[in-house]
PDB file of N, CA and C in Angstrom:
ATOM      1  N   MET A   1     -17.888  -0.270 -12.253  1.00  0.00           N
ATOM      2  CA  MET A   1     -17.867  -1.458 -11.427  1.00  0.00           C
ATOM      3  C   MET A   1     -17.989  -1.100  -9.947  1.00  0.00           C
ATOM      4  N   THR A   2     -17.219  -0.096  -9.554  1.00  0.00           N
ATOM      5  CA  THR A   2     -17.218   0.260  -8.140  1.00  0.00           C
ATOM      6  C   THR A   2     -18.604   0.672  -7.677  1.00  0.00           C
ATOM      7  N   GLU A   3     -19.281   1.504  -8.449  1.00  0.00           N
ATOM      8  CA  GLU A   3     -20.636   1.911  -8.075  1.00  0.00           C
ATOM      9  C   GLU A   3     -21.595   0.733  -8.064  1.00  0.00           C
ATOM     10  N   ARG A   4     -21.487  -0.123  -9.056  1.00  0.00           N
ATOM     11  CA  ARG A   4     -22.401  -1.262  -9.189  1.00  0.00           C
ATOM     12  C   ARG A   4     -22.277  -2.237  -8.027  1.00  0.00           C
ATOM     13  N   PHE A   5     -21.059  -2.438  -7.526  1.00  0.00           N
ATOM     14  CA  PHE A   5     -20.837  -3.455  -6.503  1.00  0.00           C
ATOM     15  C   PHE A   5     -20.446  -2.884  -5.141  1.00  0.00           C
ATOM     16  N   ALA A   6     -20.593  -1.584  -4.951  1.00  0.00           N
ATOM     17  CA  ALA A   6     -20.164  -0.941  -3.702  1.00  0.00           C
ATOM     18  C   ALA A   6     -20.770  -1.578  -2.457  1.00  0.00           C
ATOM     19  N   ASP A   7     -21.996  -2.054  -2.539  1.00  0.00           N
ATOM     20  CA  ASP A   7     -22.665  -2.639  -1.373  1.00  0.00           C
ATOM     21  C   ASP A   7     -22.489  -4.148  -1.276  1.00  0.00           C
ATOM     22  N   ASP A   8     -21.777  -4.753  -2.205  1.00  0.00           N
ATOM     23  CA  ASP A   8     -21.555  -6.202  -2.177  1.00  0.00           C
ATOM     24  C   ASP A   8     -20.361  -6.493  -1.274  1.00  0.00           C
ATOM     25  N   PRO A   9     -20.534  -7.238  -0.180  1.00  0.00           N
ATOM     26  CA  PRO A   9     -19.420  -7.488   0.736  1.00  0.00           C
ATOM     27  C   PRO A   9     -18.277  -8.281   0.111  1.00  0.00           C
ATOM     28  N   SER A  10     -18.513  -8.958  -0.995  1.00  0.00           N
ATOM     29  CA  SER A  10     -17.457  -9.727  -1.658  1.00  0.00           C
ATOM     30  C   SER A  10     -16.569  -8.864  -2.543  1.00  0.00           C
ATOM     31  N   PHE A  11     -17.057  -7.678  -2.913  1.00  0.00           N
ATOM     32  CA  PHE A  11     -16.310  -6.781  -3.794  1.00  0.00           C
ATOM     33  C   PHE A  11     -15.279  -5.997  -3.001  1.00  0.00           C
ATOM     34  N   GLY A  12     -14.048  -6.006  -3.506  1.00  0.00           N
ATOM     35  CA  GLY A  12     -12.991  -5.232  -2.873  1.00  0.00           C
ATOM     36  C   GLY A  12     -12.764  -3.921  -3.581  1.00  0.00           C
ATOM     37  N   SER A  13     -12.206  -3.993  -4.769  1.00  0.00           N
ATOM     38  CA  SER A  13     -11.942  -2.798  -5.560  1.00  0.00           C
ATOM     39  C   SER A  13     -11.744  -3.214  -7.015  1.00  0.00           C
ATOM     40  N   ALA A  14     -11.693  -2.216  -7.886  1.00  0.00           N
ATOM     41  CA  ALA A  14     -11.498  -2.457  -9.313  1.00  0.00           C
ATOM     42  C   ALA A  14     -10.528  -1.431  -9.857  1.00  0.00           C
ATOM     43  N   GLY A  15      -9.859  -1.797 -10.928  1.00  0.00           N
ATOM     44  CA  GLY A  15      -8.943  -0.879 -11.580  1.00  0.00           C
ATOM     45  C   GLY A  15      -8.591  -1.398 -12.957  1.00  0.00           C
ATOM     46  N   VAL A  16      -7.836  -0.628 -13.678  1.00  0.00           N
ATOM     47  CA  VAL A  16      -7.391  -1.017 -15.010  1.00  0.00           C
ATOM     48  C   VAL A  16      -5.869  -1.060 -14.989  1.00  0.00           C
ATOM     49  N   GLU A  17      -5.344  -2.137 -15.535  1.00  0.00           N
ATOM     50  CA  GLU A  17      -3.896  -2.316 -15.599  1.00  0.00           C
ATOM     51  C   GLU A  17      -3.567  -3.064 -16.883  1.00  0.00           C
ATOM     52  N   ASP A  18      -2.690  -2.497 -17.684  1.00  0.00           N
ATOM     53  CA  ASP A  18      -2.277  -3.118 -18.948  1.00  0.00           C
ATOM     54  C   ASP A  18      -3.460  -3.501 -19.835  1.00  0.00           C
ATOM     55  N   GLY A  19      -4.461  -2.619 -19.878  1.00  0.00           N
ATOM     56  CA  GLY A  19      -5.613  -2.842 -20.741  1.00  0.00           C
ATOM     57  C   GLY A  19      -6.588  -3.886 -20.231  1.00  0.00           C
ATOM     58  N   GLU A  20      -6.391  -4.346 -19.008  1.00  0.00           N
ATOM     59  CA  GLU A  20      -7.302  -5.324 -18.417  1.00  0.00           C
ATOM     60  C   GLU A  20      -7.973  -4.718 -17.192  1.00  0.00           C
ATOM     61  N   LEU A  21      -9.213  -5.119 -16.984  1.00  0.00           N
ATOM     62  CA  LEU A  21      -9.932  -4.735 -15.781  1.00  0.00           C
ATOM     63  C   LEU A  21      -9.583  -5.755 -14.710  1.00  0.00           C
ATOM     64  N   PHE A  22      -9.125  -5.272 -13.563  1.00  0.00           N
ATOM     65  CA  PHE A  22      -8.893  -6.218 -12.488  1.00  0.00           C
ATOM     66  C   PHE A  22      -9.833  -5.914 -11.336  1.00  0.00           C
ATOM     67  N   LEU A  23     -10.241  -6.974 -10.667  1.00  0.00           N
ATOM     68  CA  LEU A  23     -11.125  -6.867  -9.513  1.00  0.00           C
ATOM     69  C   LEU A  23     -10.527  -7.642  -8.360  1.00  0.00           C
ATOM     70  N   TYR A  24     -10.600  -7.063  -7.181  1.00  0.00           N
ATOM     71  CA  TYR A  24     -10.345  -7.833  -5.970  1.00  0.00           C
ATOM     72  C   TYR A  24     -11.712  -8.328  -5.523  1.00  0.00           C
ATOM     73  N   TRP A  25     -11.851  -9.641  -5.417  1.00  0.00           N
ATOM     74  CA  TRP A  25     -13.148 -10.246  -5.124  1.00  0.00           C
ATOM     75  C   TRP A  25     -12.953 -11.425  -4.189  1.00  0.00           C
ATOM     76  N   TYR A  26     -13.894 -11.583  -3.264  1.00  0.00           N
ATOM     77  CA  TYR A  26     -13.884 -12.708  -2.327  1.00  0.00           C
ATOM     78  C   TYR A  26     -14.863 -13.765  -2.830  1.00  0.00           C
ATOM     79  N   GLY A  27     -14.370 -14.959  -3.078  1.00  0.00           N
ATOM     80  CA  GLY A  27     -15.236 -16.029  -3.593  1.00  0.00           C
ATOM     81  C   GLY A  27     -15.380 -15.925  -5.095  1.00  0.00           C
ATOM     82  N   SER A  28     -16.418 -16.550  -5.602  1.00  0.00           N
ATOM     83  CA  SER A  28     -16.660 -16.561  -7.050  1.00  0.00           C
ATOM     84  C   SER A  28     -17.395 -15.294  -7.473  1.00  0.00           C
ATOM     85  N   GLU A  29     -16.830 -14.632  -8.461  1.00  0.00           N
ATOM     86  CA  GLU A  29     -17.473 -13.412  -8.949  1.00  0.00           C
ATOM     87  C   GLU A  29     -18.700 -13.786  -9.782  1.00  0.00           C
ATOM     88  N   PRO A  30     -19.749 -12.954  -9.756  1.00  0.00           N
ATOM     89  CA  PRO A  30     -20.941 -13.228 -10.561  1.00  0.00           C
ATOM     90  C   PRO A  30     -20.679 -12.973 -12.046  1.00  0.00           C
ATOM     91  N   GLN A  31     -21.399 -13.620 -12.881  1.00  0.00           N
ATOM     92  CA  GLN A  31     -21.259 -13.479 -14.329  1.00  0.00           C
ATOM     93  C   GLN A  31     -21.450 -12.038 -14.786  1.00  0.00           C
ATOM     94  N   ILE A  32     -22.265 -11.288 -14.058  1.00  0.00           N
ATOM     95  CA  ILE A  32     -22.525  -9.903 -14.464  1.00  0.00           C
ATOM     96  C   ILE A  32     -21.238  -9.071 -14.511  1.00  0.00           C
ATOM     97  N   VAL A  33     -20.231  -9.455 -13.732  1.00  0.00           N
ATOM     98  CA  VAL A  33     -18.940  -8.760 -13.781  1.00  0.00           C
ATOM     99  C   VAL A  33     -18.395  -8.801 -15.201  1.00  0.00           C
ATOM    100  N   HIS A  34     -18.416  -9.975 -15.788  1.00  0.00           N
ATOM    101  CA  HIS A  34     -17.901 -10.153 -17.151  1.00  0.00           C
ATOM    102  C   HIS A  34     -18.826  -9.505 -18.175  1.00  0.00           C
ATOM    103  N   ASP A  35     -20.122  -9.590 -17.927  1.00  0.00           N
ATOM    104  CA  ASP A  35     -21.083  -8.972 -18.839  1.00  0.00           C
ATOM    105  C   ASP A  35     -20.895  -7.453 -18.885  1.00  0.00           C
ATOM    106  N   LEU A  36     -20.702  -6.840 -17.728  1.00  0.00           N
ATOM    107  CA  LEU A  36     -20.520  -5.386 -17.668  1.00  0.00           C
ATOM    108  C   LEU A  36     -19.211  -4.950 -18.311  1.00  0.00           C
ATOM    109  N   ALA A  37     -18.200  -5.799 -18.240  1.00  0.00           N
ATOM    110  CA  ALA A  37     -16.893  -5.454 -18.812  1.00  0.00           C
ATOM    111  C   ALA A  37     -16.896  -5.512 -20.329  1.00  0.00           C
ATOM    112  N   GLY A  38     -17.850  -6.210 -20.911  1.00  0.00           N
ATOM    113  CA  GLY A  38     -17.921  -6.310 -22.365  1.00  0.00           C
ATOM    114  C   GLY A  38     -16.697  -6.999 -22.934  1.00  0.00           C
ATOM    115  N   ASP A  39     -16.004  -6.323 -23.848  1.00  0.00           N
ATOM    116  CA  ASP A  39     -14.837  -6.903 -24.509  1.00  0.00           C
ATOM    117  C   ASP A  39     -13.532  -6.718 -23.728  1.00  0.00           C
ATOM    118  N   VAL A  40     -13.605  -6.046 -22.603  1.00  0.00           N
ATOM    119  CA  VAL A  40     -12.399  -5.816 -21.800  1.00  0.00           C
ATOM    120  C   VAL A  40     -12.098  -7.082 -20.990  1.00  0.00           C
ATOM    121  N   PRO A  41     -10.887  -7.604 -21.107  1.00  0.00           N
ATOM    122  CA  PRO A  41     -10.535  -8.783 -20.312  1.00  0.00           C
ATOM    123  C   PRO A  41     -10.623  -8.481 -18.815  1.00  0.00           C
ATOM    124  N   VAL A  42     -11.130  -9.437 -18.055  1.00  0.00           N
ATOM    125  CA  VAL A  42     -11.286  -9.281 -16.613  1.00  0.00           C
ATOM    126  C   VAL A  42     -10.349 -10.242 -15.908  1.00  0.00           C
ATOM    127  N   VAL A  43      -9.548  -9.700 -14.993  1.00  0.00           N
ATOM    128  CA  VAL A  43      -8.682 -10.514 -14.149  1.00  0.00           C
ATOM    129  C   VAL A  43      -9.197 -10.379 -12.725  1.00  0.00           C
ATOM    130  N   VAL A  44      -9.572 -11.500 -12.136  1.00  0.00           N
ATOM    131  CA  VAL A  44     -10.082 -11.488 -10.766  1.00  0.00           C
ATOM    132  C   VAL A  44      -8.953 -11.878  -9.821  1.00  0.00           C
ATOM    133  N   ARG A  45      -8.694 -11.010  -8.869  1.00  0.00           N
ATOM    134  CA  ARG A  45      -7.679 -11.282  -7.849  1.00  0.00           C
ATOM    135  C   ARG A  45      -8.428 -11.687  -6.586  1.00  0.00           C
ATOM    136  N   ASP A  46      -8.285 -12.943  -6.225  1.00  0.00           N
ATOM    137  CA  ASP A  46      -8.991 -13.460  -5.061  1.00  0.00           C
ATOM    138  C   ASP A  46      -8.492 -12.792  -3.790  1.00  0.00           C
ATOM    139  N   THR A  47      -9.423 -12.469  -2.912  1.00  0.00           N
ATOM    140  CA  THR A  47      -9.050 -11.909  -1.621  1.00  0.00           C
ATOM    141  C   THR A  47      -9.171 -12.989  -0.562  1.00  0.00           C
ATOM    142  N   PRO A  48      -8.230 -13.070   0.375  1.00  0.00           N
ATOM    143  CA  PRO A  48      -8.299 -14.092   1.406  1.00  0.00           C
ATOM    144  C   PRO A  48      -9.336 -13.791   2.481  1.00  0.00           C
ATOM    145  N   LEU A  49      -9.706 -12.533   2.617  1.00  0.00           N
ATOM    146  CA  LEU A  49     -10.705 -12.111   3.599  1.00  0.00           C
ATOM    147  C   LEU A  49     -11.795 -11.333   2.879  1.00  0.00           C
ATOM    148  N   GLU A  50     -13.003 -11.396   3.414  1.00  0.00           N
ATOM    149  CA  GLU A  50     -14.118 -10.708   2.768  1.00  0.00           C
ATOM    150  C   GLU A  50     -13.961  -9.192   2.916  1.00  0.00           C
ATOM    151  N   PRO A  51     -13.884  -8.469   1.803  1.00  0.00           N
ATOM    152  CA  PRO A  51     -13.702  -7.018   1.866  1.00  0.00           C
ATOM    153  C   PRO A  51     -14.749  -6.290   2.710  1.00  0.00           C
ATOM    154  N   GLY A  52     -15.999  -6.697   2.603  1.00  0.00           N
ATOM    155  CA  GLY A  52     -17.049  -6.041   3.387  1.00  0.00           C
ATOM    156  C   GLY A  52     -16.829  -6.187   4.882  1.00  0.00           C
ATOM    157  N   SER A  53     -16.382  -7.355   5.311  1.00  0.00           N
ATOM    158  CA  SER A  53     -16.093  -7.563   6.733  1.00  0.00           C
ATOM    159  C   SER A  53     -14.919  -6.709   7.181  1.00  0.00           C
ATOM    160  N   LEU A  54     -13.917  -6.566   6.307  1.00  0.00           N
ATOM    161  CA  LEU A  54     -12.782  -5.715   6.637  1.00  0.00           C
ATOM    162  C   LEU A  54     -13.207  -4.250   6.733  1.00  0.00           C
ATOM    163  N   ARG A  55     -14.050  -3.803   5.811  1.00  0.00           N
ATOM    164  CA  ARG A  55     -14.535  -2.416   5.873  1.00  0.00           C
ATOM    165  C   ARG A  55     -15.326  -2.180   7.157  1.00  0.00           C
ATOM    166  N   ASP A  56     -16.170  -3.153   7.530  1.00  0.00           N
ATOM    167  CA  ASP A  56     -16.954  -3.025   8.765  1.00  0.00           C
ATOM    168  C   ASP A  56     -16.039  -2.983   9.989  1.00  0.00           C
ATOM    169  N   ALA A  57     -15.036  -3.857  10.020  1.00  0.00           N
ATOM    170  CA  ALA A  57     -14.102  -3.878  11.149  1.00  0.00           C
ATOM    171  C   ALA A  57     -13.348  -2.553  11.248  1.00  0.00           C
ATOM    172  N   ALA A  58     -12.932  -2.010  10.105  1.00  0.00           N
ATOM    173  CA  ALA A  58     -12.215  -0.731  10.101  1.00  0.00           C
ATOM    174  C   ALA A  58     -13.104   0.389  10.645  1.00  0.00           C
ATOM    175  N   ALA A  59     -14.339   0.441  10.192  1.00  0.00           N
ATOM    176  CA  ALA A  59     -15.264   1.475  10.667  1.00  0.00           C
ATOM    177  C   ALA A  59     -15.496   1.347  12.165  1.00  0.00           C
ATOM    178  N   SER A  60     -15.635   0.129  12.635  1.00  0.00           N
ATOM    179  CA  SER A  60     -15.848  -0.111  14.055  1.00  0.00           C
ATOM    180  C   SER A  60     -14.644   0.349  14.885  1.00  0.00           C
ATOM    181  N   LEU A  61     -13.441   0.077  14.401  1.00  0.00           N
ATOM    182  CA  LEU A  61     -12.247   0.503  15.132  1.00  0.00           C
ATOM    183  C   LEU A  61     -12.179   2.012  15.276  1.00  0.00           C
ATOM    184  N   VAL A  62     -12.482   2.720  14.202  1.00  0.00           N
ATOM    185  CA  VAL A  62     -12.436   4.179  14.249  1.00  0.00           C
ATOM    186  C   VAL A  62     -13.473   4.713  15.242  1.00  0.00           C
ATOM    187  N   GLU A  63     -14.616   4.052  15.329  1.00  0.00           N
ATOM    188  CA  GLU A  63     -15.683   4.493  16.233  1.00  0.00           C
ATOM    189  C   GLU A  63     -15.425   4.125  17.691  1.00  0.00           C
ATOM    190  N   THR A  64     -14.763   2.985  17.934  1.00  0.00           N
ATOM    191  CA  THR A  64     -14.672   2.464  19.301  1.00  0.00           C
ATOM    192  C   THR A  64     -13.292   2.531  19.937  1.00  0.00           C
ATOM    193  N   GLU A  65     -12.260   2.717  19.151  1.00  0.00           N
ATOM    194  CA  GLU A  65     -10.890   2.742  19.677  1.00  0.00           C
ATOM    195  C   GLU A  65     -10.349   4.167  19.628  1.00  0.00           C
ATOM    196  N   PRO A  66     -10.248   4.826  20.775  1.00  0.00           N
ATOM    197  CA  PRO A  66      -9.805   6.224  20.765  1.00  0.00           C
ATOM    198  C   PRO A  66      -8.383   6.428  20.238  1.00  0.00           C
ATOM    199  N   ASP A  67      -7.558   5.392  20.275  1.00  0.00           N
ATOM    200  CA  ASP A  67      -6.178   5.526  19.791  1.00  0.00           C
ATOM    201  C   ASP A  67      -6.040   5.269  18.291  1.00  0.00           C
ATOM    202  N   VAL A  68      -7.136   4.883  17.634  1.00  0.00           N
ATOM    203  CA  VAL A  68      -7.125   4.647  16.187  1.00  0.00           C
ATOM    204  C   VAL A  68      -7.735   5.875  15.515  1.00  0.00           C
ATOM    205  N   THR A  69      -6.925   6.573  14.722  1.00  0.00           N
ATOM    206  CA  THR A  69      -7.417   7.788  14.063  1.00  0.00           C
ATOM    207  C   THR A  69      -7.960   7.528  12.664  1.00  0.00           C
ATOM    208  N   SER A  70      -7.525   6.446  12.049  1.00  0.00           N
ATOM    209  CA  SER A  70      -8.092   6.024  10.766  1.00  0.00           C
ATOM    210  C   SER A  70      -7.812   4.540  10.594  1.00  0.00           C
ATOM    211  N   ALA A  71      -8.616   3.914   9.756  1.00  0.00           N
ATOM    212  CA  ALA A  71      -8.450   2.483   9.516  1.00  0.00           C
ATOM    213  C   ALA A  71      -9.089   2.125   8.182  1.00  0.00           C
ATOM    214  N   GLY A  72      -8.576   1.087   7.562  1.00  0.00           N
ATOM    215  CA  GLY A  72      -9.139   0.606   6.308  1.00  0.00           C
ATOM    216  C   GLY A  72      -8.490  -0.702   5.920  1.00  0.00           C
ATOM    217  N   PRO A  73      -9.073  -1.377   4.945  1.00  0.00           N
ATOM    218  CA  PRO A  73      -8.467  -2.618   4.462  1.00  0.00           C
ATOM    219  C   PRO A  73      -7.129  -2.350   3.776  1.00  0.00           C
ATOM    220  N   VAL A  74      -6.217  -3.288   3.888  1.00  0.00           N
ATOM    221  CA  VAL A  74      -4.988  -3.265   3.110  1.00  0.00           C
ATOM    222  C   VAL A  74      -5.401  -3.391   1.644  1.00  0.00           C
ATOM    223  N   HIS A  75      -4.633  -2.830   0.723  1.00  0.00           N
ATOM    224  CA  HIS A  75      -5.038  -2.750  -0.691  1.00  0.00           C
ATOM    225  C   HIS A  75      -5.419  -4.107  -1.299  1.00  0.00           C
ATOM    226  N   ASP A  76      -4.810  -5.196  -0.814  1.00  0.00           N
ATOM    227  CA  ASP A  76      -5.128  -6.523  -1.372  1.00  0.00           C
ATOM    228  C   ASP A  76      -6.066  -7.329  -0.465  1.00  0.00           C
ATOM    229  N   PHE A  77      -6.605  -6.672   0.533  1.00  0.00           N
ATOM    230  CA  PHE A  77      -7.604  -7.257   1.432  1.00  0.00           C
ATOM    231  C   PHE A  77      -7.078  -8.459   2.212  1.00  0.00           C
ATOM    232  N   THR A  78      -5.812  -8.341   2.630  1.00  0.00           N
ATOM    233  CA  THR A  78      -5.204  -9.384   3.466  1.00  0.00           C
ATOM    234  C   THR A  78      -5.278  -9.016   4.945  1.00  0.00           C
ATOM    235  N   GLY A  79      -5.849  -7.876   5.264  1.00  0.00           N
ATOM    236  CA  GLY A  79      -5.952  -7.430   6.647  1.00  0.00           C
ATOM    237  C   GLY A  79      -6.319  -5.971   6.702  1.00  0.00           C
ATOM    238  N   LEU A  80      -6.012  -5.346   7.845  1.00  0.00           N
ATOM    239  CA  LEU A  80      -6.324  -3.936   8.058  1.00  0.00           C
ATOM    240  C   LEU A  80      -5.050  -3.142   8.252  1.00  0.00           C
ATOM    241  N   THR A  81      -5.131  -1.874   7.897  1.00  0.00           N
ATOM    242  CA  THR A  81      -4.076  -0.932   8.237  1.00  0.00           C
ATOM    243  C   THR A  81      -4.723   0.178   9.054  1.00  0.00           C
ATOM    244  N   ILE A  82      -4.067   0.558  10.136  1.00  0.00           N
ATOM    245  CA  ILE A  82      -4.607   1.601  10.989  1.00  0.00           C
ATOM    246  C   ILE A  82      -3.573   2.716  11.134  1.00  0.00           C
ATOM    247  N   THR A  83      -4.070   3.895  11.459  1.00  0.00           N
ATOM    248  CA  THR A  83      -3.203   4.990  11.861  1.00  0.00           C
ATOM    249  C   THR A  83      -3.486   5.215  13.335  1.00  0.00           C
ATOM    250  N   ALA A  84      -2.418   5.203  14.129  1.00  0.00           N
ATOM    251  CA  ALA A  84      -2.558   5.320  15.578  1.00  0.00           C
ATOM    252  C   ALA A  84      -2.149   6.703  16.056  1.00  0.00           C
ATOM    253  N   ASP A  85      -2.750   7.106  17.149  1.00  0.00           N
ATOM    254  CA  ASP A  85      -2.359   8.325  17.831  1.00  0.00           C
ATOM    255  C   ASP A  85      -0.868   8.213  18.157  1.00  0.00           C
ATOM    256  N   PRO A  86      -0.078   9.272  17.933  1.00  0.00           N
ATOM    257  CA  PRO A  86       1.363   9.178  18.153  1.00  0.00           C
ATOM    258  C   PRO A  86       1.764   8.992  19.614  1.00  0.00           C
ATOM    259  N   ARG A  87       0.825   9.147  20.534  1.00  0.00           N
ATOM    260  CA  ARG A  87       1.138   8.986  21.950  1.00  0.00           C
ATOM    261  C   ARG A  87       1.099   7.531  22.405  1.00  0.00           C
ATOM    262  N   VAL A  88       0.716   6.613  21.495  1.00  0.00           N
ATOM    263  CA  VAL A  88       0.664   5.192  21.859  1.00  0.00           C
ATOM    264  C   VAL A  88       1.676   4.409  21.035  1.00  0.00           C
ATOM    265  N   ASP A  89       1.989   3.220  21.502  1.00  0.00           N
ATOM    266  CA  ASP A  89       2.879   2.315  20.775  1.00  0.00           C
ATOM    267  C   ASP A  89       2.063   1.665  19.657  1.00  0.00           C
ATOM    268  N   ALA A  90       2.287   2.103  18.439  1.00  0.00           N
ATOM    269  CA  ALA A  90       1.484   1.638  17.300  1.00  0.00           C
ATOM    270  C   ALA A  90       1.612   0.135  17.085  1.00  0.00           C
ATOM    271  N   LYS A  91       2.828  -0.404  17.228  1.00  0.00           N
ATOM    272  CA  LYS A  91       3.019  -1.847  17.037  1.00  0.00           C
ATOM    273  C   LYS A  91       2.254  -2.649  18.074  1.00  0.00           C
ATOM    274  N   ASP A  92       2.296  -2.190  19.315  1.00  0.00           N
ATOM    275  CA  ASP A  92       1.568  -2.880  20.386  1.00  0.00           C
ATOM    276  C   ASP A  92       0.063  -2.814  20.136  1.00  0.00           C
ATOM    277  N   LEU A  93      -0.422  -1.649  19.760  1.00  0.00           N
ATOM    278  CA  LEU A  93      -1.844  -1.484  19.465  1.00  0.00           C
ATOM    279  C   LEU A  93      -2.260  -2.410  18.328  1.00  0.00           C
ATOM    280  N   ALA A  94      -1.474  -2.455  17.261  1.00  0.00           N
ATOM    281  CA  ALA A  94      -1.793  -3.337  16.127  1.00  0.00           C
ATOM    282  C   ALA A  94      -1.812  -4.789  16.564  1.00  0.00           C
ATOM    283  N   ALA A  95      -0.856  -5.199  17.390  1.00  0.00           N
ATOM    284  CA  ALA A  95      -0.807  -6.589  17.857  1.00  0.00           C
ATOM    285  C   ALA A  95      -2.038  -6.925  18.696  1.00  0.00           C
ATOM    286  N   ARG A  96      -2.422  -6.022  19.584  1.00  0.00           N
ATOM    287  CA  ARG A  96      -3.612  -6.267  20.421  1.00  0.00           C
ATOM    288  C   ARG A  96      -4.879  -6.361  19.576  1.00  0.00           C
ATOM    289  N   LEU A  97      -5.019  -5.437  18.621  1.00  0.00           N
ATOM    290  CA  LEU A  97      -6.214  -5.453  17.768  1.00  0.00           C
ATOM    291  C   LEU A  97      -6.237  -6.687  16.875  1.00  0.00           C
ATOM    292  N   SER A  98      -5.093  -7.058  16.355  1.00  0.00           N
ATOM    293  CA  SER A  98      -5.002  -8.250  15.513  1.00  0.00           C
ATOM    294  C   SER A  98      -5.428  -9.490  16.281  1.00  0.00           C
ATOM    295  N   ALA A  99      -4.960  -9.622  17.516  1.00  0.00           N
ATOM    296  CA  ALA A  99      -5.328 -10.781  18.342  1.00  0.00           C
ATOM    297  C   ALA A  99      -6.826 -10.762  18.662  1.00  0.00           C
ATOM    298  N   ARG A 100      -7.353  -9.586  18.966  1.00  0.00           N
ATOM    299  CA  ARG A 100      -8.772  -9.482  19.310  1.00  0.00           C
ATOM    300  C   ARG A 100      -9.678  -9.764  18.114  1.00  0.00           C
ATOM    301  N   LEU A 101      -9.306  -9.246  16.951  1.00  0.00           N
ATOM    302  CA  LEU A 101     -10.150  -9.375  15.762  1.00  0.00           C
ATOM    303  C   LEU A 101      -9.874 -10.638  14.953  1.00  0.00           C
ATOM    304  N   ASP A 102      -8.736 -11.254  15.203  1.00  0.00           N
ATOM    305  CA  ASP A 102      -8.274 -12.401  14.410  1.00  0.00           C
ATOM    306  C   ASP A 102      -8.133 -12.013  12.933  1.00  0.00           C
ATOM    307  N   ILE A 103      -7.603 -10.810  12.741  1.00  0.00           N
ATOM    308  CA  ILE A 103      -7.339 -10.246  11.416  1.00  0.00           C
ATOM    309  C   ILE A 103      -5.949  -9.611  11.482  1.00  0.00           C
ATOM    310  N   PRO A 104      -5.098  -9.804  10.491  1.00  0.00           N
ATOM    311  CA  PRO A 104      -3.815  -9.101  10.509  1.00  0.00           C
ATOM    312  C   PRO A 104      -4.028  -7.585  10.505  1.00  0.00           C
ATOM    313  N   VAL A 105      -3.326  -6.897  11.402  1.00  0.00           N
ATOM    314  CA  VAL A 105      -3.420  -5.441  11.500  1.00  0.00           C
ATOM    315  C   VAL A 105      -2.008  -4.866  11.458  1.00  0.00           C
ATOM    316  N   GLN A 106      -1.803  -3.903  10.569  1.00  0.00           N
ATOM    317  CA  GLN A 106      -0.539  -3.176  10.525  1.00  0.00           C
ATOM    318  C   GLN A 106      -0.835  -1.724  10.868  1.00  0.00           C
ATOM    319  N   ALA A 107       0.165  -1.061  11.477  1.00  0.00           N
ATOM    320  CA  ALA A 107      -0.088   0.289  11.968  1.00  0.00           C
ATOM    321  C   ALA A 107       0.983   1.276  11.540  1.00  0.00           C
ATOM    322  N   THR A 108       0.536   2.512  11.346  1.00  0.00           N
ATOM    323  CA  THR A 108       1.411   3.654  11.193  1.00  0.00           C
ATOM    324  C   THR A 108       0.999   4.637  12.280  1.00  0.00           C
ATOM    325  N   THR A 109       1.775   5.680  12.449  1.00  0.00           N
ATOM    326  CA  THR A 109       1.473   6.669  13.486  1.00  0.00           C
ATOM    327  C   THR A 109       1.227   8.019  12.854  1.00  0.00           C
ATOM    328  N   ASP A 110       0.213   8.716  13.369  1.00  0.00           N
ATOM    329  CA  ASP A 110      -0.017  10.106  12.967  1.00  0.00           C
ATOM    330  C   ASP A 110       1.205  10.918  13.302  1.00  0.00           C
ATOM    331  N   SER A 111       1.541  11.855  12.471  1.00  0.00           N
ATOM    332  CA  SER A 111       2.695  12.707  12.743  1.00  0.00           C
ATOM    333  C   SER A 111       2.310  13.978  13.502  1.00  0.00           C
ATOM    334  N   VAL A 112       1.005  14.193  13.656  1.00  0.00           N
ATOM    335  CA  VAL A 112       0.520  15.386  14.336  1.00  0.00           C
ATOM    336  C   VAL A 112      -0.332  14.956  15.522  1.00  0.00           C
ATOM    337  N   LEU A 113      -0.058  15.553  16.670  1.00  0.00           N
ATOM    338  CA  LEU A 113      -0.879  15.262  17.844  1.00  0.00           C
ATOM    339  C   LEU A 113      -2.256  15.856  17.655  1.00  0.00           C
ATOM    340  N   PRO A 114      -3.318  15.092  18.010  1.00  0.00           N
ATOM    341  CA  PRO A 114      -4.665  15.637  17.886  1.00  0.00           C
ATOM    342  C   PRO A 114      -4.889  16.797  18.871  1.00  0.00           C
ATOM    343  N   PHE A 115      -5.654  17.778  18.463  1.00  0.00           N
ATOM    344  CA  PHE A 115      -6.002  18.895  19.328  1.00  0.00           C
ATOM    345  C   PHE A 115      -6.997  18.419  20.356  1.00  0.00           C
ATOM    346  N   ASP A 116      -6.719  18.658  21.627  1.00  0.00           N
ATOM    347  CA  ASP A 116      -7.623  18.170  22.676  1.00  0.00           C
ATOM    348  C   ASP A 116      -8.455  19.274  23.302  1.00  0.00           C
ATOM    349  N   GLY A 117      -8.483  20.425  22.684  1.00  0.00           N
ATOM    350  CA  GLY A 117      -9.333  21.503  23.163  1.00  0.00           C
ATOM    351  C   GLY A 117      -8.663  22.409  24.198  1.00  0.00           C
ATOM    352  N   GLY A 118      -7.470  22.051  24.631  1.00  0.00           N
ATOM    353  CA  GLY A 118      -6.852  22.840  25.685  1.00  0.00           C
ATOM    354  C   GLY A 118      -5.625  23.440  25.261  1.00  0.00           C
TER     355      GLY A 118
END
């Protein structure tokens, strides 16, 4: 499933739990999801935000925000989680980014200072 829908912005992730295939999906899933699953029951977990947009926002933050060392969607696609440089206030950074992006952002801090070449 993951390979088949990796480029679909509505697809979040897939997994197996209690013998059922579950998908995080934004909007209505296509019939092919059920066709590919065959006899395996499919449980679709609706995402409140489009996973593809969250992935794009995360990639953009890592590229454009020097204090963000990593970023990605929260596991249920309700927002973003970032890792901040330990020299900044992670909560403040998350609040500023959340307001700017209009997406919930939660932050953790790197435990190791980045090497700056000196």
